[in-house]
């Protein structure tokens, strides 16, 4: 249960969220061959996910 205790730290949750955002945008927008409209949609979805990830991890820790 050390991983759950580690996730209790907000800095760790936000670091995971930044890794998610960076990886997602790099793979989907930077390396993906998507049209401009799809890139905009993917960017919006990734930014929303960036804020959802820490909240979901906090909910997991609290449960």
N, C-alpha and C. Protein backbone atom coordinates (compact mmCIF):
# COMPACT_ATOMS: atom_id res chain seq x y z
N UNK A 1 0.80 -1.20 0.00
CA UNK A 1 0.00 0.00 0.00
C UNK A 1 0.85 1.27 0.00
N UNK A 2 2.14 1.15 -0.28
CA UNK A 2 2.98 2.34 -0.35
C UNK A 2 2.58 3.25 -1.50
N UNK A 3 2.11 2.67 -2.59
CA UNK A 3 1.71 3.48 -3.74
C UNK A 3 0.51 4.35 -3.39
N UNK A 4 -0.42 3.82 -2.63
CA UNK A 4 -1.59 4.61 -2.23
C UNK A 4 -1.16 5.73 -1.31
N UNK A 5 -0.25 5.45 -0.41
CA UNK A 5 0.25 6.48 0.50
C UNK A 5 1.01 7.56 -0.28
N UNK A 6 1.72 7.15 -1.31
CA UNK A 6 2.44 8.10 -2.15
C UNK A 6 1.47 9.00 -2.91
N UNK A 7 0.34 8.44 -3.34
CA UNK A 7 -0.65 9.22 -4.08
C UNK A 7 -1.38 10.22 -3.19
N UNK A 8 -1.24 10.11 -1.89
CA UNK A 8 -1.87 11.07 -0.98
C UNK A 8 -1.23 12.45 -1.09
N UNK A 9 -0.02 12.50 -1.61
CA UNK A 9 0.68 13.77 -1.78
C UNK A 9 0.18 14.48 -3.04
N UNK A 10 -0.33 15.73 -2.91
CA UNK A 10 -0.84 16.43 -4.10
C UNK A 10 0.23 16.67 -5.17
N UNK A 11 1.47 16.86 -4.77
CA UNK A 11 2.53 17.08 -5.75
C UNK A 11 2.71 15.86 -6.65
N UNK A 12 2.57 14.68 -6.09
CA UNK A 12 2.69 13.45 -6.88
C UNK A 12 1.52 13.33 -7.85
N UNK A 13 0.32 13.64 -7.38
CA UNK A 13 -0.84 13.57 -8.28
C UNK A 13 -0.72 14.55 -9.43
N UNK A 14 -0.25 15.77 -9.16
CA UNK A 14 -0.10 16.76 -10.24
C UNK A 14 1.06 16.39 -11.16
N UNK A 15 2.10 15.77 -10.63
CA UNK A 15 3.20 15.31 -11.48
C UNK A 15 2.70 14.24 -12.46
N UNK A 16 1.86 13.34 -11.97
CA UNK A 16 1.28 12.32 -12.84
C UNK A 16 0.39 12.98 -13.90
N UNK A 17 -0.35 14.01 -13.50
CA UNK A 17 -1.21 14.72 -14.46
C UNK A 17 -0.38 15.41 -15.53
N UNK A 18 0.75 16.03 -15.14
CA UNK A 18 1.62 16.67 -16.13
C UNK A 18 2.23 15.64 -17.07
N UNK A 19 2.62 14.48 -16.54
CA UNK A 19 3.13 13.41 -17.41
C UNK A 19 2.06 12.94 -18.39
N UNK A 20 0.84 12.80 -17.90
CA UNK A 20 -0.28 12.42 -18.76
C UNK A 20 -0.47 13.45 -19.88
N UNK A 21 -0.48 14.72 -19.51
CA UNK A 21 -0.70 15.77 -20.50
C UNK A 21 0.42 15.80 -21.53
N UNK A 22 1.65 15.76 -21.07
CA UNK A 22 2.78 15.81 -21.99
C UNK A 22 2.83 14.62 -22.92
N UNK A 23 2.61 13.43 -22.37
CA UNK A 23 2.63 12.22 -23.18
C UNK A 23 1.48 12.21 -24.19
N UNK A 24 0.30 12.55 -23.73
CA UNK A 24 -0.87 12.54 -24.62
C UNK A 24 -0.71 13.52 -25.76
N UNK A 25 -0.30 14.74 -25.44
CA UNK A 25 -0.17 15.74 -26.50
C UNK A 25 0.96 15.39 -27.46
N UNK A 26 2.05 14.84 -26.93
CA UNK A 26 3.16 14.45 -27.80
C UNK A 26 2.74 13.34 -28.76
N UNK A 27 2.09 12.32 -28.23
CA UNK A 27 1.71 11.18 -29.07
C UNK A 27 0.58 11.51 -30.03
N UNK A 28 -0.43 12.23 -29.55
CA UNK A 28 -1.62 12.45 -30.37
C UNK A 28 -1.50 13.65 -31.30
N UNK A 29 -0.86 14.73 -30.85
CA UNK A 29 -0.79 15.94 -31.67
C UNK A 29 0.57 16.03 -32.36
N UNK A 30 1.64 15.83 -31.59
CA UNK A 30 2.98 15.99 -32.16
C UNK A 30 3.35 14.90 -33.15
N UNK A 31 3.13 13.66 -32.76
CA UNK A 31 3.53 12.54 -33.61
C UNK A 31 2.38 12.00 -34.46
N UNK A 32 1.16 12.31 -34.08
CA UNK A 32 0.01 11.82 -34.83
C UNK A 32 -0.21 12.64 -36.09
N UNK A 33 -0.68 11.97 -37.10
CA UNK A 33 -0.94 12.64 -38.38
C UNK A 33 -2.43 12.96 -38.44
N UNK A 34 -2.84 13.96 -37.64
CA UNK A 34 -4.24 14.32 -37.55
C UNK A 34 -4.51 15.65 -38.25
N UNK A 35 -5.70 15.80 -38.81
CA UNK A 35 -6.07 17.11 -39.36
C UNK A 35 -6.19 18.15 -38.24
N UNK A 36 -6.14 19.40 -38.60
CA UNK A 36 -6.13 20.50 -37.62
C UNK A 36 -7.34 20.44 -36.68
N UNK A 37 -8.53 20.18 -37.21
CA UNK A 37 -9.73 20.13 -36.37
C UNK A 37 -9.63 19.01 -35.33
N UNK A 38 -9.10 17.87 -35.74
CA UNK A 38 -8.93 16.76 -34.80
C UNK A 38 -7.87 17.08 -33.76
N UNK A 39 -6.83 17.79 -34.15
CA UNK A 39 -5.80 18.19 -33.19
C UNK A 39 -6.39 19.11 -32.12
N UNK A 40 -7.26 20.01 -32.52
CA UNK A 40 -7.90 20.91 -31.56
C UNK A 40 -8.79 20.12 -30.60
N UNK A 41 -9.56 19.18 -31.13
CA UNK A 41 -10.44 18.36 -30.29
C UNK A 41 -9.63 17.51 -29.32
N UNK A 42 -8.54 16.92 -29.79
CA UNK A 42 -7.70 16.09 -28.93
C UNK A 42 -7.04 16.95 -27.85
N UNK A 43 -6.61 18.14 -28.20
CA UNK A 43 -5.99 19.04 -27.22
C UNK A 43 -6.98 19.41 -26.13
N UNK A 44 -8.21 19.72 -26.51
CA UNK A 44 -9.23 20.06 -25.51
C UNK A 44 -9.51 18.86 -24.61
N UNK A 45 -9.62 17.68 -25.18
CA UNK A 45 -9.87 16.48 -24.38
C UNK A 45 -8.71 16.19 -23.44
N UNK A 46 -7.49 16.39 -23.89
CA UNK A 46 -6.32 16.15 -23.03
C UNK A 46 -6.24 17.15 -21.89
N UNK A 47 -6.58 18.39 -22.16
CA UNK A 47 -6.56 19.40 -21.09
C UNK A 47 -7.63 19.10 -20.05
N UNK A 48 -8.80 18.67 -20.49
CA UNK A 48 -9.85 18.27 -19.54
C UNK A 48 -9.36 17.08 -18.73
N UNK A 49 -8.76 16.11 -19.38
CA UNK A 49 -8.21 14.95 -18.68
C UNK A 49 -7.12 15.33 -17.70
N UNK A 50 -6.35 16.37 -18.03
CA UNK A 50 -5.29 16.86 -17.14
C UNK A 50 -5.87 17.27 -15.79
N UNK A 51 -7.06 17.85 -15.79
CA UNK A 51 -7.67 18.25 -14.53
C UNK A 51 -8.44 17.11 -13.87
N UNK A 52 -8.85 16.12 -14.63
CA UNK A 52 -9.60 14.99 -14.08
C UNK A 52 -8.68 14.00 -13.38
N UNK A 53 -7.47 13.81 -13.90
CA UNK A 53 -6.55 12.80 -13.36
C UNK A 53 -6.26 13.02 -11.87
N UNK A 54 -5.87 14.22 -11.42
CA UNK A 54 -5.60 14.39 -9.98
C UNK A 54 -6.85 14.18 -9.12
N UNK A 55 -8.00 14.59 -9.63
CA UNK A 55 -9.24 14.41 -8.87
C UNK A 55 -9.56 12.92 -8.74
N UNK A 56 -9.38 12.17 -9.82
CA UNK A 56 -9.63 10.73 -9.77
C UNK A 56 -8.65 10.03 -8.84
N UNK A 57 -7.39 10.44 -8.88
CA UNK A 57 -6.41 9.82 -7.98
C UNK A 57 -6.71 10.15 -6.52
N UNK A 58 -7.17 11.37 -6.25
CA UNK A 58 -7.54 11.73 -4.88
C UNK A 58 -8.73 10.90 -4.41
N UNK A 59 -9.70 10.70 -5.29
CA UNK A 59 -10.83 9.84 -4.96
C UNK A 59 -10.40 8.42 -4.68
N UNK A 60 -9.43 7.93 -5.42
CA UNK A 60 -8.91 6.58 -5.19
C UNK A 60 -8.22 6.49 -3.83
N UNK A 61 -7.46 7.52 -3.48
CA UNK A 61 -6.76 7.52 -2.19
C UNK A 61 -7.77 7.59 -1.05
N UNK A 62 -8.81 8.39 -1.21
CA UNK A 62 -9.80 8.56 -0.14
C UNK A 62 -10.69 7.34 0.05
N UNK A 63 -10.80 6.49 -0.96
CA UNK A 63 -11.68 5.32 -0.83
C UNK A 63 -11.03 4.18 -0.09
